C-alpha atoms as a PDB file:
ATOM      1  CA  VAL A   1      11.028  13.256  -7.316  1.00  0.00           C
ATOM      2  CA  VAL A   2       8.896  14.673  -9.742  1.00  0.00           C
ATOM      3  CA  VAL A   3       6.608  17.295  -8.962  1.00  0.00           C
ATOM      4  CA  THR A   4       3.680  18.077 -11.757  1.00  0.00           C
ATOM      5  CA  ILE A   5       2.176  21.669 -11.602  1.00  0.00           C
ATOM      6  CA  PRO A   6      -1.283  22.323 -12.917  1.00  0.00           C
ATOM      7  CA  ALA A   7      -2.250  24.512 -16.169  1.00  0.00           C
ATOM      8  CA  VAL A   8      -1.267  27.884 -15.837  1.00  0.00           C
ATOM      9  CA  ALA A   9      -4.059  30.088 -14.472  1.00  0.00           C
ATOM     10  CA  THR A  10      -4.219  33.454 -12.828  1.00  0.00           C
ATOM     11  CA  GLY A  11      -3.222  33.469  -9.537  1.00  0.00           C
ATOM     12  CA  ASN A  12      -1.361  30.248  -8.684  1.00  0.00           C
ATOM     13  CA  THR A  13       1.585  30.315  -6.813  1.00  0.00           C
ATOM     14  CA  PHE A  14       3.599  27.747  -5.930  1.00  0.00           C
ATOM     15  CA  LYS A  15       6.449  26.965  -3.529  1.00  0.00           C
ATOM     16  CA  ILE A  16       8.037  23.753  -3.822  1.00  0.00           C
ATOM     17  CA  VAL A  17      10.856  22.987  -0.981  1.00  0.00           C
ATOM     18  CA  ASN A  18      13.165  19.955  -1.220  1.00  0.00           C
ATOM     19  CA  GLY A  19      12.473  17.952   1.729  1.00  0.00           C
ATOM     20  CA  GLY A  20      15.608  15.063   1.581  1.00  0.00           C
ATOM     21  CA  ASP A  21      18.546  14.905   2.974  1.00  0.00           C
ATOM     22  CA  ASP A  22      21.842  16.924   1.690  1.00  0.00           C
ATOM     23  CA  GLY A  23      22.560  15.710  -1.405  1.00  0.00           C
ATOM     24  CA  ALA A  24      20.053  12.474  -1.787  1.00  0.00           C
ATOM     25  CA  GLN A  25      17.364  13.762  -3.676  1.00  0.00           C
ATOM     26  CA  LEU A  26      16.962  14.993  -7.168  1.00  0.00           C
ATOM     27  CA  ILE A  27      13.574  17.228  -7.412  1.00  0.00           C
ATOM     28  CA  SER A  28      11.828  18.408 -10.795  1.00  0.00           C
ATOM     29  CA  VAL A  29       9.456  20.481 -11.078  1.00  0.00           C
ATOM     30  CA  SER A  30       7.456  19.739 -14.560  1.00  0.00           C
ATOM     31  CA  PRO A  31       5.185  22.215 -16.164  1.00  0.00           C
ATOM     32  CA  ASN A  32       1.802  21.419 -18.008  1.00  0.00           C
ATOM     33  CA  SER A  33       3.088  20.256 -21.859  1.00  0.00           C
ATOM     34  CA  VAL A  34       2.174  23.441 -23.478  1.00  0.00           C
ATOM     35  CA  ASP A  35       3.551  25.735 -20.770  1.00  0.00           C
ATOM     36  CA  LYS A  36       6.996  26.778 -19.550  1.00  0.00           C
ATOM     37  CA  ILE A  37       8.828  28.381 -16.622  1.00  0.00           C
ATOM     38  CA  LYS A  38      10.446  31.759 -17.223  1.00  0.00           C
ATOM     39  CA  GLY A  39      13.539  32.498 -14.811  1.00  0.00           C
ATOM     40  CA  PRO A  40      16.471  34.452 -14.253  1.00  0.00           C
ATOM     41  CA  ASP A  41      18.377  33.981 -17.358  1.00  0.00           C
ATOM     42  CA  TYR A  42      16.343  31.638 -19.002  1.00  0.00           C
ATOM     43  CA  ALA A  43      13.146  32.637 -21.531  1.00  0.00           C
ATOM     44  CA  GLY A  44      11.560  29.335 -20.872  1.00  0.00           C
ATOM     45  CA  THR A  45      10.646  26.608 -23.363  1.00  0.00           C
ATOM     46  CA  ASP A  46       7.383  24.394 -22.964  1.00  0.00           C
ATOM     47  CA  ASN A  47       7.380  21.159 -21.331  1.00  0.00           C
ATOM     48  CA  LYS A  48      10.926  22.014 -19.613  1.00  0.00           C
ATOM     49  CA  ASP A  49      11.194  21.386 -16.022  1.00  0.00           C
ATOM     50  CA  TRP A  50      13.400  23.339 -13.466  1.00  0.00           C
ATOM     51  CA  GLN A  51      15.831  21.047 -11.318  1.00  0.00           C
ATOM     52  CA  ASN A  52      17.260  20.754  -7.657  1.00  0.00           C
ATOM     53  CA  THR A  53      20.471  19.069  -9.041  1.00  0.00           C
ATOM     54  CA  LYS A  54      20.912  16.525  -6.630  1.00  0.00           C
ATOM     55  CA  ALA A  55      24.900  16.512  -5.999  1.00  0.00           C
ATOM     56  CA  THR A  56      24.534  20.022  -4.722  1.00  0.00           C
ATOM     57  CA  ALA A  57      20.637  19.574  -3.437  1.00  0.00           C
ATOM     58  CA  ARG A  58      20.388  20.700   0.479  1.00  0.00           C
ATOM     59  CA  ALA A  59      17.879  20.275   3.005  1.00  0.00           C
ATOM     60  CA  GLY A  60      15.370  23.066   3.103  1.00  0.00           C
ATOM     61  CA  ASP A  61      16.060  24.225  -0.914  1.00  0.00           C
ATOM     62  CA  TYR A  62      12.856  25.690  -2.479  1.00  0.00           C
ATOM     63  CA  ILE A  63      11.885  27.257  -5.599  1.00  0.00           C
ATOM     64  CA  VAL A  64       8.870  30.015  -5.899  1.00  0.00           C
ATOM     65  CA  ILE A  65       6.613  30.134  -9.490  1.00  0.00           C
ATOM     66  CA  GLN A  66       3.637  32.122  -9.846  1.00  0.00           C
ATOM     67  CA  TYR A  67       1.390  33.158 -12.576  1.00  0.00           C
ATOM     68  CA  GLU A  68       3.101  35.376 -15.354  1.00  0.00           C
ATOM     69  CA  SER A  69       1.135  34.754 -18.955  1.00  0.00           C
ATOM     70  CA  ALA A  70      -1.110  32.354 -20.076  1.00  0.00           C
ATOM     71  CA  ASP A  71       2.371  31.058 -21.542  1.00  0.00           C
ATOM     72  CA  GLY A  72       3.509  29.957 -18.037  1.00  0.00           C
ATOM     73  CA  PHE A  73       5.157  30.544 -15.118  1.00  0.00           C
ATOM     74  CA  ILE A  74       8.110  32.594 -13.843  1.00  0.00           C
ATOM     75  CA  VAL A  75      10.358  31.920 -11.057  1.00  0.00           C
ATOM     76  CA  VAL A  76      10.628  34.597  -8.355  1.00  0.00           C
ATOM     77  CA  GLU A  77      12.512  33.334  -5.658  1.00  0.00           C
ATOM     78  CA  LYS A  78      14.638  30.012  -5.263  1.00  0.00           C
ATOM     79  CA  VAL A  79      17.219  28.796  -2.547  1.00  0.00           C
ATOM     80  CA  GLY A  80      19.644  26.368  -3.799  1.00  0.00           C
ATOM     81  CA  THR A  81      21.303  25.208  -7.228  1.00  0.00           C
ATOM     82  CA  TRP A  82      18.131  25.212  -9.746  1.00  0.00           C
ATOM     83  CA  ALA A  83      18.588  24.819 -13.412  1.00  0.00           C
ATOM     84  CA  GLN A  84      16.187  24.242 -16.113  1.00  0.00           C
ATOM     85  CA  GLU A  85      16.126  20.874 -17.781  1.00  0.00           C
ATOM     86  CA  ALA A  86      18.062  20.733 -21.256  1.00  0.00           C
END
């Protein structure tokens, strides 16, 4: 499942929740092609998804991203195994 988020805008915050069965869904959070999603230990790269890896995914895993700057979003909260696309 790919969740495409809109271009950055002041005040935007999104919470994406994995509603699939344990180990059944790969969830990708995809920013606009000129935006990035920064996170813990990740500076962010334009047009790179954050993914809830299928093998370790659990129902209820989630990620919360919010507006940081005109460059993109930042991860402010997450539950489960989420990684930035290589």
